Amino acid sequence: MPTPKPAKYWSGDVTKHSDALDLEKDVFTWGDPRKIARSLHDSAERSARRKRTPYQSAMSMLNFYINRAGRNLNGGRKKVLSEAKDELRKLYGKA
Protein backbone atom coordinates (compact mmCIF):
# COMPACT_ATOMS: atom_id res chain seq x y z
CA MET A 1 0.00 0.00 0.00
CA PRO A 2 1.51 3.39 -0.97
CA THR A 3 2.36 5.91 1.73
CA PRO A 4 0.16 9.03 1.68
CA LYS A 5 1.88 12.04 0.13
CA PRO A 6 2.80 14.66 2.75
CA ALA A 7 1.23 18.10 2.55
CA LYS A 8 3.17 20.55 0.42
CA TYR A 9 3.36 23.18 3.14
CA TRP A 10 3.74 21.50 6.51
CA SER A 11 4.28 24.85 8.27
CA GLY A 12 0.73 25.98 7.46
CA ASP A 13 -0.58 22.83 9.04
CA VAL A 14 1.44 23.54 12.19
CA THR A 15 -0.10 26.97 12.64
CA LYS A 16 -3.59 25.56 12.08
CA HIS A 17 -3.20 22.42 14.21
CA SER A 18 -0.54 23.23 16.78
CA ASP A 19 -0.06 20.49 19.33
CA ALA A 20 0.78 23.06 21.99
CA LEU A 21 -1.73 25.87 21.47
CA ASP A 22 -5.31 26.10 20.25
CA LEU A 23 -5.14 29.26 18.17
CA GLU A 24 -8.11 31.37 17.17
CA LYS A 25 -8.94 31.23 13.49
CA ASP A 26 -6.77 33.54 11.35
CA VAL A 27 -5.12 35.09 14.42
CA PHE A 28 -2.00 36.06 12.46
CA THR A 29 -4.03 37.99 9.87
CA TRP A 30 -5.60 40.39 12.36
CA GLY A 31 -4.62 44.05 12.15
CA ASP A 32 -4.46 44.83 15.87
CA PRO A 33 -1.17 43.79 17.55
CA ARG A 34 -2.75 43.92 21.03
CA LYS A 35 -5.55 41.62 19.96
CA ILE A 36 -3.06 39.14 18.44
CA ALA A 37 -0.91 39.21 21.59
CA ARG A 38 -3.94 38.80 23.87
CA SER A 39 -5.18 35.84 21.86
CA LEU A 40 -1.76 34.12 21.94
CA HIS A 41 -1.50 34.88 25.67
CA ASP A 42 -4.92 33.38 26.39
CA SER A 43 -4.23 30.30 24.25
CA ALA A 44 -0.91 29.69 25.97
CA GLU A 45 -2.39 30.12 29.45
CA ARG A 46 -5.23 27.67 28.71
CA SER A 47 -3.09 25.00 27.10
CA ALA A 48 -2.33 21.87 29.09
CA ARG A 49 -0.23 20.41 26.26
CA ARG A 50 2.54 22.97 26.05
CA LYS A 51 6.06 21.91 26.97
CA ARG A 52 7.39 25.34 27.96
CA THR A 53 6.15 28.33 29.94
CA PRO A 54 3.11 30.11 28.52
CA TYR A 55 5.29 33.07 27.47
CA GLN A 56 7.76 30.84 25.63
CA SER A 57 4.98 28.92 23.88
CA ALA A 58 3.16 32.06 22.74
CA MET A 59 6.32 33.82 21.55
CA SER A 60 7.55 30.66 19.87
CA MET A 61 4.36 30.31 17.84
CA LEU A 62 4.49 33.96 16.79
CA ASN A 63 8.16 33.69 15.78
CA PHE A 64 7.46 30.45 13.94
CA TYR A 65 4.77 32.15 11.87
CA ILE A 66 6.98 35.16 11.08
CA ASN A 67 9.96 33.00 10.14
CA ARG A 68 7.97 30.59 7.97
CA ALA A 69 6.25 33.43 6.10
CA GLY A 70 9.70 34.84 5.29
CA ARG A 71 9.86 37.14 2.31
CA ASN A 72 6.19 36.52 1.53
CA LEU A 73 5.34 38.71 4.53
CA ASN A 74 4.86 42.29 3.37
CA GLY A 75 6.21 45.23 5.38
CA GLY A 76 2.90 46.22 6.93
CA ARG A 77 2.13 42.67 8.07
CA LYS A 78 5.63 42.25 9.48
CA LYS A 79 5.26 45.52 11.40
CA VAL A 80 1.96 44.42 12.96
CA LEU A 81 3.41 41.04 13.97
CA SER A 82 6.56 42.68 15.36
CA GLU A 83 4.37 44.99 17.43
CA ALA A 84 2.43 41.93 18.60
CA LYS A 85 5.72 40.54 19.95
CA ASP A 86 6.22 43.78 21.91
CA GLU A 87 2.65 43.56 23.25
CA LEU A 88 3.19 39.93 24.25
CA ARG A 89 6.33 40.92 26.18
CA LYS A 90 4.30 43.59 28.01
CA LEU A 91 1.56 41.09 28.91
CA TYR A 92 4.16 38.83 30.52
CA GLY A 93 6.16 41.64 32.15
CA LYS A 94 9.18 41.04 29.93
CA ALA A 95 9.28 44.51 28.32
PDB file of N, CA and C in Angstrom:
ATOM      1  N   MET A   1       0.851  -1.182   0.000  1.00  0.00           N
ATOM      2  CA  MET A   1       0.000   0.000   0.000  1.00  0.00           C
ATOM      3  C   MET A   1       0.895   1.244   0.000  1.00  0.00           C
ATOM      4  N   PRO A   2       0.669   2.205  -0.901  1.00  0.00           N
ATOM      5  CA  PRO A   2       1.514   3.391  -0.974  1.00  0.00           C
ATOM      6  C   PRO A   2       1.323   4.295   0.252  1.00  0.00           C
ATOM      7  N   THR A   3       2.398   4.969   0.616  1.00  0.00           N
ATOM      8  CA  THR A   3       2.362   5.910   1.731  1.00  0.00           C
ATOM      9  C   THR A   3       1.684   7.193   1.258  1.00  0.00           C
ATOM     10  N   PRO A   4       0.807   7.782   2.086  1.00  0.00           N
ATOM     11  CA  PRO A   4       0.163   9.030   1.676  1.00  0.00           C
ATOM     12  C   PRO A   4       1.203  10.132   1.454  1.00  0.00           C
ATOM     13  N   LYS A   5       0.974  10.950   0.454  1.00  0.00           N
ATOM     14  CA  LYS A   5       1.877  12.040   0.127  1.00  0.00           C
ATOM     15  C   LYS A   5       1.754  13.135   1.194  1.00  0.00           C
ATOM     16  N   PRO A   6       2.875  13.608   1.737  1.00  0.00           N
ATOM     17  CA  PRO A   6       2.799  14.662   2.750  1.00  0.00           C
ATOM     18  C   PRO A   6       2.286  15.966   2.147  1.00  0.00           C
ATOM     19  N   ALA A   7       1.718  16.800   2.996  1.00  0.00           N
ATOM     20  CA  ALA A   7       1.235  18.101   2.546  1.00  0.00           C
ATOM     21  C   ALA A   7       2.399  18.925   2.014  1.00  0.00           C
ATOM     22  N   LYS A   8       2.122  19.750   1.035  1.00  0.00           N
ATOM     23  CA  LYS A   8       3.174  20.553   0.415  1.00  0.00           C
ATOM     24  C   LYS A   8       3.755  21.556   1.407  1.00  0.00           C
ATOM     25  N   TYR A   9       2.911  22.164   2.195  1.00  0.00           N
ATOM     26  CA  TYR A   9       3.355  23.181   3.140  1.00  0.00           C
ATOM     27  C   TYR A   9       3.036  22.732   4.564  1.00  0.00           C
ATOM     28  N   TRP A  10       3.946  22.013   5.159  1.00  0.00           N
ATOM     29  CA  TRP A  10       3.745  21.495   6.510  1.00  0.00           C
ATOM     30  C   TRP A  10       3.628  22.611   7.534  1.00  0.00           C
ATOM     31  N   SER A  11       4.292  23.768   7.286  1.00  0.00           N
ATOM     32  CA  SER A  11       4.278  24.845   8.266  1.00  0.00           C
ATOM     33  C   SER A  11       2.881  25.452   8.428  1.00  0.00           C
ATOM     34  N   GLY A  12       2.111  25.493   7.356  1.00  0.00           N
ATOM     35  CA  GLY A  12       0.733  25.984   7.460  1.00  0.00           C
ATOM     36  C   GLY A  12      -0.109  25.078   8.323  1.00  0.00           C
ATOM     37  N   ASP A  13       0.144  23.795   8.217  1.00  0.00           N
ATOM     38  CA  ASP A  13      -0.578  22.834   9.037  1.00  0.00           C
ATOM     39  C   ASP A  13      -0.230  22.998  10.509  1.00  0.00           C
ATOM     40  N   VAL A  14       1.020  23.334  10.801  1.00  0.00           N
ATOM     41  CA  VAL A  14       1.442  23.540  12.194  1.00  0.00           C
ATOM     42  C   VAL A  14       0.696  24.710  12.809  1.00  0.00           C
ATOM     43  N   THR A  15       0.590  25.815  12.078  1.00  0.00           N
ATOM     44  CA  THR A  15      -0.099  26.974  12.642  1.00  0.00           C
ATOM     45  C   THR A  15      -1.597  26.734  12.796  1.00  0.00           C
ATOM     46  N   LYS A  16      -2.162  25.864  11.972  1.00  0.00           N
ATOM     47  CA  LYS A  16      -3.590  25.557  12.082  1.00  0.00           C
ATOM     48  C   LYS A  16      -3.875  24.511  13.148  1.00  0.00           C
ATOM     49  N   HIS A  17      -2.962  23.551  13.311  1.00  0.00           N
ATOM     50  CA  HIS A  17      -3.200  22.424  14.210  1.00  0.00           C
ATOM     51  C   HIS A  17      -2.050  22.233  15.184  1.00  0.00           C
ATOM     52  N   SER A  18      -1.641  23.305  15.825  1.00  0.00           N
ATOM     53  CA  SER A  18      -0.537  23.229  16.781  1.00  0.00           C
ATOM     54  C   SER A  18      -0.855  22.242  17.885  1.00  0.00           C
ATOM     55  N   ASP A  19       0.135  21.440  18.251  1.00  0.00           N
ATOM     56  CA  ASP A  19      -0.064  20.489  19.329  1.00  0.00           C
ATOM     57  C   ASP A  19       0.068  21.158  20.689  1.00  0.00           C
ATOM     58  N   ALA A  20       0.570  22.384  20.719  1.00  0.00           N
ATOM     59  CA  ALA A  20       0.779  23.062  21.987  1.00  0.00           C
ATOM     60  C   ALA A  20      -0.290  24.114  22.282  1.00  0.00           C
ATOM     61  N   LEU A  21      -0.771  24.786  21.259  1.00  0.00           N
ATOM     62  CA  LEU A  21      -1.732  25.868  21.467  1.00  0.00           C
ATOM     63  C   LEU A  21      -2.939  25.708  20.552  1.00  0.00           C
ATOM     64  N   ASP A  22      -4.099  26.035  21.075  1.00  0.00           N
ATOM     65  CA  ASP A  22      -5.308  26.097  20.253  1.00  0.00           C
ATOM     66  C   ASP A  22      -5.490  27.558  19.858  1.00  0.00           C
ATOM     67  N   LEU A  23      -5.104  27.883  18.636  1.00  0.00           N
ATOM     68  CA  LEU A  23      -5.145  29.262  18.169  1.00  0.00           C
ATOM     69  C   LEU A  23      -6.513  29.619  17.614  1.00  0.00           C
ATOM     70  N   GLU A  24      -6.873  30.890  17.783  1.00  0.00           N
ATOM     71  CA  GLU A  24      -8.106  31.374  17.173  1.00  0.00           C
ATOM     72  C   GLU A  24      -7.912  31.409  15.664  1.00  0.00           C
ATOM     73  N   LYS A  25      -8.994  31.253  14.946  1.00  0.00           N
ATOM     74  CA  LYS A  25      -8.942  31.229  13.486  1.00  0.00           C
ATOM     75  C   LYS A  25      -8.362  32.531  12.943  1.00  0.00           C
ATOM     76  N   ASP A  26      -7.391  32.407  12.049  1.00  0.00           N
ATOM     77  CA  ASP A  26      -6.770  33.543  11.348  1.00  0.00           C
ATOM     78  C   ASP A  26      -6.127  34.578  12.269  1.00  0.00           C
ATOM     79  N   VAL A  27      -5.681  34.160  13.436  1.00  0.00           N
ATOM     80  CA  VAL A  27      -5.115  35.093  14.422  1.00  0.00           C
ATOM     81  C   VAL A  27      -3.966  35.919  13.849  1.00  0.00           C
ATOM     82  N   PHE A  28      -3.161  35.343  12.979  1.00  0.00           N
ATOM     83  CA  PHE A  28      -2.003  36.063  12.458  1.00  0.00           C
ATOM     84  C   PHE A  28      -2.356  37.020  11.324  1.00  0.00           C
ATOM     85  N   THR A  29      -3.608  37.064  10.915  1.00  0.00           N
ATOM     86  CA  THR A  29      -4.030  37.989   9.866  1.00  0.00           C
ATOM     87  C   THR A  29      -4.706  39.231  10.446  1.00  0.00           C
ATOM     88  N   TRP A  30      -4.942  39.244  11.730  1.00  0.00           N
ATOM     89  CA  TRP A  30      -5.603  40.387  12.360  1.00  0.00           C
ATOM     90  C   TRP A  30      -4.725  41.626  12.269  1.00  0.00           C
ATOM     91  N   GLY A  31      -5.353  42.796  12.281  1.00  0.00           N
ATOM     92  CA  GLY A  31      -4.619  44.045  12.146  1.00  0.00           C
ATOM     93  C   GLY A  31      -4.218  44.700  13.454  1.00  0.00           C
ATOM     94  N   ASP A  32      -4.729  44.217  14.573  1.00  0.00           N
ATOM     95  CA  ASP A  32      -4.460  44.831  15.866  1.00  0.00           C
ATOM     96  C   ASP A  32      -3.431  44.006  16.644  1.00  0.00           C
ATOM     97  N   PRO A  33      -2.214  44.545  16.841  1.00  0.00           N
ATOM     98  CA  PRO A  33      -1.170  43.792  17.548  1.00  0.00           C
ATOM     99  C   PRO A  33      -1.569  43.385  18.967  1.00  0.00           C
ATOM    100  N   ARG A  34      -2.299  44.247  19.663  1.00  0.00           N
ATOM    101  CA  ARG A  34      -2.745  43.917  21.029  1.00  0.00           C
ATOM    102  C   ARG A  34      -3.696  42.732  21.028  1.00  0.00           C
ATOM    103  N   LYS A  35      -4.579  42.713  20.063  1.00  0.00           N
ATOM    104  CA  LYS A  35      -5.548  41.618  19.956  1.00  0.00           C
ATOM    105  C   LYS A  35      -4.831  40.299  19.645  1.00  0.00           C
ATOM    106  N   ILE A  36      -3.842  40.342  18.767  1.00  0.00           N
ATOM    107  CA  ILE A  36      -3.057  39.145  18.439  1.00  0.00           C
ATOM    108  C   ILE A  36      -2.339  38.654  19.695  1.00  0.00           C
ATOM    109  N   ALA A  37      -1.663  39.575  20.386  1.00  0.00           N
ATOM    110  CA  ALA A  37      -0.912  39.213  21.592  1.00  0.00           C
ATOM    111  C   ALA A  37      -1.837  38.651  22.669  1.00  0.00           C
ATOM    112  N   ARG A  38      -2.984  39.268  22.857  1.00  0.00           N
ATOM    113  CA  ARG A  38      -3.936  38.803  23.874  1.00  0.00           C
ATOM    114  C   ARG A  38      -4.439  37.403  23.538  1.00  0.00           C
ATOM    115  N   SER A  39      -4.714  37.154  22.280  1.00  0.00           N
ATOM    116  CA  SER A  39      -5.183  35.839  21.857  1.00  0.00           C
ATOM    117  C   SER A  39      -4.116  34.774  22.093  1.00  0.00           C
ATOM    118  N   LEU A  40      -2.856  35.070  21.714  1.00  0.00           N
ATOM    119  CA  LEU A  40      -1.764  34.125  21.944  1.00  0.00           C
ATOM    120  C   LEU A  40      -1.553  33.894  23.444  1.00  0.00           C
ATOM    121  N   HIS A  41      -1.637  34.964  24.216  1.00  0.00           N
ATOM    122  CA  HIS A  41      -1.502  34.876  25.671  1.00  0.00           C
ATOM    123  C   HIS A  41      -2.571  33.948  26.247  1.00  0.00           C
ATOM    124  N   ASP A  42      -3.812  34.186  25.867  1.00  0.00           N
ATOM    125  CA  ASP A  42      -4.915  33.378  26.390  1.00  0.00           C
ATOM    126  C   ASP A  42      -4.796  31.913  25.973  1.00  0.00           C
ATOM    127  N   SER A  43      -4.406  31.678  24.727  1.00  0.00           N
ATOM    128  CA  SER A  43      -4.230  30.300  24.247  1.00  0.00           C
ATOM    129  C   SER A  43      -3.127  29.587  25.021  1.00  0.00           C
ATOM    130  N   ALA A  44      -2.032  30.288  25.252  1.00  0.00           N
ATOM    131  CA  ALA A  44      -0.906  29.685  25.972  1.00  0.00           C
ATOM    132  C   ALA A  44      -1.261  29.408  27.434  1.00  0.00           C
ATOM    133  N   GLU A  45      -2.001  30.306  28.042  1.00  0.00           N
ATOM    134  CA  GLU A  45      -2.386  30.123  29.445  1.00  0.00           C
ATOM    135  C   GLU A  45      -3.366  28.959  29.611  1.00  0.00           C
ATOM    136  N   ARG A  46      -4.237  28.751  28.637  1.00  0.00           N
ATOM    137  CA  ARG A  46      -5.235  27.674  28.712  1.00  0.00           C
ATOM    138  C   ARG A  46      -4.660  26.295  28.391  1.00  0.00           C
ATOM    139  N   SER A  47      -3.596  26.274  27.612  1.00  0.00           N
ATOM    140  CA  SER A  47      -3.087  25.005  27.096  1.00  0.00           C
ATOM    141  C   SER A  47      -2.490  24.118  28.188  1.00  0.00           C
ATOM    142  N   ALA A  48      -2.894  22.860  28.173  1.00  0.00           N
ATOM    143  CA  ALA A  48      -2.327  21.866  29.091  1.00  0.00           C
ATOM    144  C   ALA A  48      -1.295  21.014  28.370  1.00  0.00           C
ATOM    145  N   ARG A  49      -1.127  21.244  27.068  1.00  0.00           N
ATOM    146  CA  ARG A  49      -0.230  20.408  26.264  1.00  0.00           C
ATOM    147  C   ARG A  49       1.128  21.042  26.003  1.00  0.00           C
ATOM    148  N   ARG A  50       1.284  22.306  26.362  1.00  0.00           N
ATOM    149  CA  ARG A  50       2.539  22.974  26.051  1.00  0.00           C
ATOM    150  C   ARG A  50       3.682  22.382  26.872  1.00  0.00           C
ATOM    151  N   LYS A  51       4.886  22.485  26.323  1.00  0.00           N
ATOM    152  CA  LYS A  51       6.062  21.908  26.975  1.00  0.00           C
ATOM    153  C   LYS A  51       6.916  22.976  27.648  1.00  0.00           C
ATOM    154  N   ARG A  52       6.638  24.226  27.394  1.00  0.00           N
ATOM    155  CA  ARG A  52       7.394  25.343  27.956  1.00  0.00           C
ATOM    156  C   ARG A  52       6.466  26.231  28.756  1.00  0.00           C
ATOM    157  N   THR A  53       6.993  27.358  29.229  1.00  0.00           N
ATOM    158  CA  THR A  53       6.155  28.327  29.937  1.00  0.00           C
ATOM    159  C   THR A  53       5.156  28.925  28.939  1.00  0.00           C
ATOM    160  N   PRO A  54       4.077  29.491  29.436  1.00  0.00           N
ATOM    161  CA  PRO A  54       3.111  30.115  28.519  1.00  0.00           C
ATOM    162  C   PRO A  54       3.752  31.200  27.643  1.00  0.00           C
ATOM    163  N   TYR A  55       4.617  32.015  28.241  1.00  0.00           N
ATOM    164  CA  TYR A  55       5.294  33.066  27.469  1.00  0.00           C
ATOM    165  C   TYR A  55       6.122  32.461  26.343  1.00  0.00           C
ATOM    166  N   GLN A  56       6.916  31.451  26.642  1.00  0.00           N
ATOM    167  CA  GLN A  56       7.756  30.835  25.626  1.00  0.00           C
ATOM    168  C   GLN A  56       6.924  30.200  24.513  1.00  0.00           C
ATOM    169  N   SER A  57       5.834  29.560  24.879  1.00  0.00           N
ATOM    170  CA  SER A  57       4.980  28.921  23.879  1.00  0.00           C
ATOM    171  C   SER A  57       4.335  29.949  22.953  1.00  0.00           C
ATOM    172  N   ALA A  58       3.819  31.020  23.537  1.00  0.00           N
ATOM    173  CA  ALA A  58       3.161  32.056  22.738  1.00  0.00           C
ATOM    174  C   ALA A  58       4.163  32.753  21.814  1.00  0.00           C
ATOM    175  N   MET A  59       5.316  33.120  22.358  1.00  0.00           N
ATOM    176  CA  MET A  59       6.324  33.816  21.554  1.00  0.00           C
ATOM    177  C   MET A  59       6.885  32.889  20.478  1.00  0.00           C
ATOM    178  N   SER A  60       7.043  31.634  20.822  1.00  0.00           N
ATOM    179  CA  SER A  60       7.552  30.655  19.868  1.00  0.00           C
ATOM    180  C   SER A  60       6.606  30.507  18.678  1.00  0.00           C
ATOM    181  N   MET A  61       5.326  30.455  18.932  1.00  0.00           N
ATOM    182  CA  MET A  61       4.359  30.311  17.841  1.00  0.00           C
ATOM    183  C   MET A  61       4.352  31.558  16.958  1.00  0.00           C
ATOM    184  N   LEU A  62       4.452  32.723  17.566  1.00  0.00           N
ATOM    185  CA  LEU A  62       4.490  33.964  16.790  1.00  0.00           C
ATOM    186  C   LEU A  62       5.767  34.030  15.938  1.00  0.00           C
ATOM    187  N   ASN A  63       6.900  33.705  16.528  1.00  0.00           N
ATOM    188  CA  ASN A  63       8.159  33.692  15.778  1.00  0.00           C
ATOM    189  C   ASN A  63       8.134  32.653  14.665  1.00  0.00           C
ATOM    190  N   PHE A  64       7.568  31.499  14.952  1.00  0.00           N
ATOM    191  CA  PHE A  64       7.456  30.447  13.945  1.00  0.00           C
ATOM    192  C   PHE A  64       6.692  30.966  12.733  1.00  0.00           C
ATOM    193  N   TYR A  65       5.570  31.619  12.972  1.00  0.00           N
ATOM    194  CA  TYR A  65       4.768  32.145  11.871  1.00  0.00           C
ATOM    195  C   TYR A  65       5.550  33.182  11.067  1.00  0.00           C
ATOM    196  N   ILE A  66       6.207  34.112  11.759  1.00  0.00           N
ATOM    197  CA  ILE A  66       6.976  35.160  11.080  1.00  0.00           C
ATOM    198  C   ILE A  66       8.105  34.545  10.252  1.00  0.00           C
ATOM    199  N   ASN A  67       8.830  33.607  10.840  1.00  0.00           N
ATOM    200  CA  ASN A  67       9.960  32.999  10.139  1.00  0.00           C
ATOM    201  C   ASN A  67       9.515  32.158   8.947  1.00  0.00           C
ATOM    202  N   ARG A  68       8.429  31.429   9.070  1.00  0.00           N
ATOM    203  CA  ARG A  68       7.969  30.587   7.966  1.00  0.00           C
ATOM    204  C   ARG A  68       7.395  31.419   6.841  1.00  0.00           C
ATOM    205  N   ALA A  69       6.803  32.571   7.148  1.00  0.00           N
ATOM    206  CA  ALA A  69       6.254  33.434   6.099  1.00  0.00           C
ATOM    207  C   ALA A  69       7.392  34.063   5.296  1.00  0.00           C
ATOM    208  N   GLY A  70       8.502  34.330   5.959  1.00  0.00           N
ATOM    209  CA  GLY A  70       9.704  34.838   5.288  1.00  0.00           C
ATOM    210  C   GLY A  70       9.453  36.046   4.408  1.00  0.00           C
ATOM    211  N   ARG A  71       9.973  35.983   3.203  1.00  0.00           N
ATOM    212  CA  ARG A  71       9.865  37.137   2.310  1.00  0.00           C
ATOM    213  C   ARG A  71       8.464  37.314   1.740  1.00  0.00           C
ATOM    214  N   ASN A  72       7.584  36.372   1.969  1.00  0.00           N
ATOM    215  CA  ASN A  72       6.195  36.515   1.527  1.00  0.00           C
ATOM    216  C   ASN A  72       5.397  37.438   2.448  1.00  0.00           C
ATOM    217  N   LEU A  73       5.987  37.823   3.564  1.00  0.00           N
ATOM    218  CA  LEU A  73       5.335  38.705   4.526  1.00  0.00           C
ATOM    219  C   LEU A  73       5.631  40.151   4.124  1.00  0.00           C
ATOM    220  N   ASN A  74       4.600  40.911   3.790  1.00  0.00           N
ATOM    221  CA  ASN A  74       4.856  42.292   3.369  1.00  0.00           C
ATOM    222  C   ASN A  74       5.223  43.164   4.575  1.00  0.00           C
ATOM    223  N   GLY A  75       5.721  44.343   4.318  1.00  0.00           N
ATOM    224  CA  GLY A  75       6.210  45.232   5.376  1.00  0.00           C
ATOM    225  C   GLY A  75       5.180  45.584   6.421  1.00  0.00           C
ATOM    226  N   GLY A  76       3.965  45.867   5.986  1.00  0.00           N
ATOM    227  CA  GLY A  76       2.899  46.217   6.928  1.00  0.00           C
ATOM    228  C   GLY A  76       2.534  45.056   7.850  1.00  0.00           C
ATOM    229  N   ARG A  77       2.458  43.880   7.287  1.00  0.00           N
ATOM    230  CA  ARG A  77       2.131  42.673   8.065  1.00  0.00           C
ATOM    231  C   ARG A  77       3.233  42.381   9.077  1.00  0.00           C
ATOM    232  N   LYS A  78       4.489  42.511   8.601  1.00  0.00           N
ATOM    233  CA  LYS A  78       5.630  42.252   9.475  1.00  0.00           C
ATOM    234  C   LYS A  78       5.655  43.240  10.640  1.00  0.00           C
ATOM    235  N   LYS A  79       5.300  44.490  10.349  1.00  0.00           N
ATOM    236  CA  LYS A  79       5.262  45.522  11.400  1.00  0.00           C
ATOM    237  C   LYS A  79       4.214  45.181  12.454  1.00  0.00           C
ATOM    238  N   VAL A  80       3.036  44.782  12.021  1.00  0.00           N
ATOM    239  CA  VAL A  80       1.964  44.418  12.958  1.00  0.00           C
ATOM    240  C   VAL A  80       2.396  43.237  13.831  1.00  0.00           C
ATOM    241  N   LEU A  81       3.004  42.220  13.218  1.00  0.00           N
ATOM    242  CA  LEU A  81       3.415  41.039  13.969  1.00  0.00           C
ATOM    243  C   LEU A  81       4.582  41.355  14.903  1.00  0.00           C
ATOM    244  N   SER A  82       5.463  42.247  14.496  1.00  0.00           N
ATOM    245  CA  SER A  82       6.560  42.675  15.361  1.00  0.00           C
ATOM    246  C   SER A  82       6.010  43.437  16.572  1.00  0.00           C
ATOM    247  N   GLU A  83       5.015  44.268  16.335  1.00  0.00           N
ATOM    248  CA  GLU A  83       4.368  44.993  17.432  1.00  0.00           C
ATOM    249  C   GLU A  83       3.627  44.024  18.350  1.00  0.00           C
ATOM    250  N   ALA A  84       3.091  42.951  17.790  1.00  0.00           N
ATOM    251  CA  ALA A  84       2.426  41.930  18.604  1.00  0.00           C
ATOM    252  C   ALA A  84       3.432  41.273  19.547  1.00  0.00           C
ATOM    253  N   LYS A  85       4.670  41.096  19.083  1.00  0.00           N
ATOM    254  CA  LYS A  85       5.721  40.545  19.946  1.00  0.00           C
ATOM    255  C   LYS A  85       5.971  41.488  21.120  1.00  0.00           C
ATOM    256  N   ASP A  86       6.024  42.788  20.842  1.00  0.00           N
ATOM    257  CA  ASP A  86       6.219  43.775  21.912  1.00  0.00           C
ATOM    258  C   ASP A  86       5.058  43.731  22.909  1.00  0.00           C
ATOM    259  N   GLU A  87       3.837  43.631  22.390  1.00  0.00           N
ATOM    260  CA  GLU A  87       2.654  43.559  23.252  1.00  0.00           C
ATOM    261  C   GLU A  87       2.668  42.282  24.112  1.00  0.00           C
ATOM    262  N   LEU A  88       3.105  41.193  23.523  1.00  0.00           N
ATOM    263  CA  LEU A  88       3.195  39.926  24.249  1.00  0.00           C
ATOM    264  C   LEU A  88       4.207  40.048  25.397  1.00  0.00           C
ATOM    265  N   ARG A  89       5.323  40.691  25.128  1.00  0.00           N
ATOM    266  CA  ARG A  89       6.328  40.921  26.178  1.00  0.00           C
ATOM    267  C   ARG A  89       5.722  41.742  27.326  1.00  0.00           C
ATOM    268  N   LYS A  90       4.940  42.762  26.982  1.00  0.00           N
ATOM    269  CA  LYS A  90       4.296  43.587  28.008  1.00  0.00           C
ATOM    270  C   LYS A  90       3.317  42.764  28.849  1.00  0.00           C
ATOM    271  N   LEU A  91       2.535  41.911  28.190  1.00  0.00           N
ATOM    272  CA  LEU A  91       1.564  41.091  28.913  1.00  0.00           C
ATOM    273  C   LEU A  91       2.237  40.175  29.932  1.00  0.00           C
ATOM    274  N   TYR A  92       3.440  39.736  29.618  1.00  0.00           N
ATOM    275  CA  TYR A  92       4.157  38.825  30.516  1.00  0.00           C
ATOM    276  C   TYR A  92       5.205  39.550  31.366  1.00  0.00           C
ATOM    277  N   GLY A  93       5.215  40.887  31.331  1.00  0.00           N
ATOM    278  CA  GLY A  93       6.155  41.643  32.150  1.00  0.00           C
ATOM    279  C   GLY A  93       7.594  41.463  31.725  1.00  0.00           C
ATOM    280  N   LYS A  94       7.833  41.254  30.441  1.00  0.00           N
ATOM    281  CA  LYS A  94       9.182  41.045  29.926  1.00  0.00           C
ATOM    282  C   LYS A  94       9.688  42.249  29.144  1.00  0.00           C
ATOM    283  N   ALA A  95       8.898  43.327  29.113  1.00  0.00           N
ATOM    284  CA  ALA A  95       9.277  44.507  28.317  1.00  0.00           C
ATOM    285  C   ALA A  95      10.230  45.419  29.072  1.00  0.00           C
TER     286      ALA A  95
END
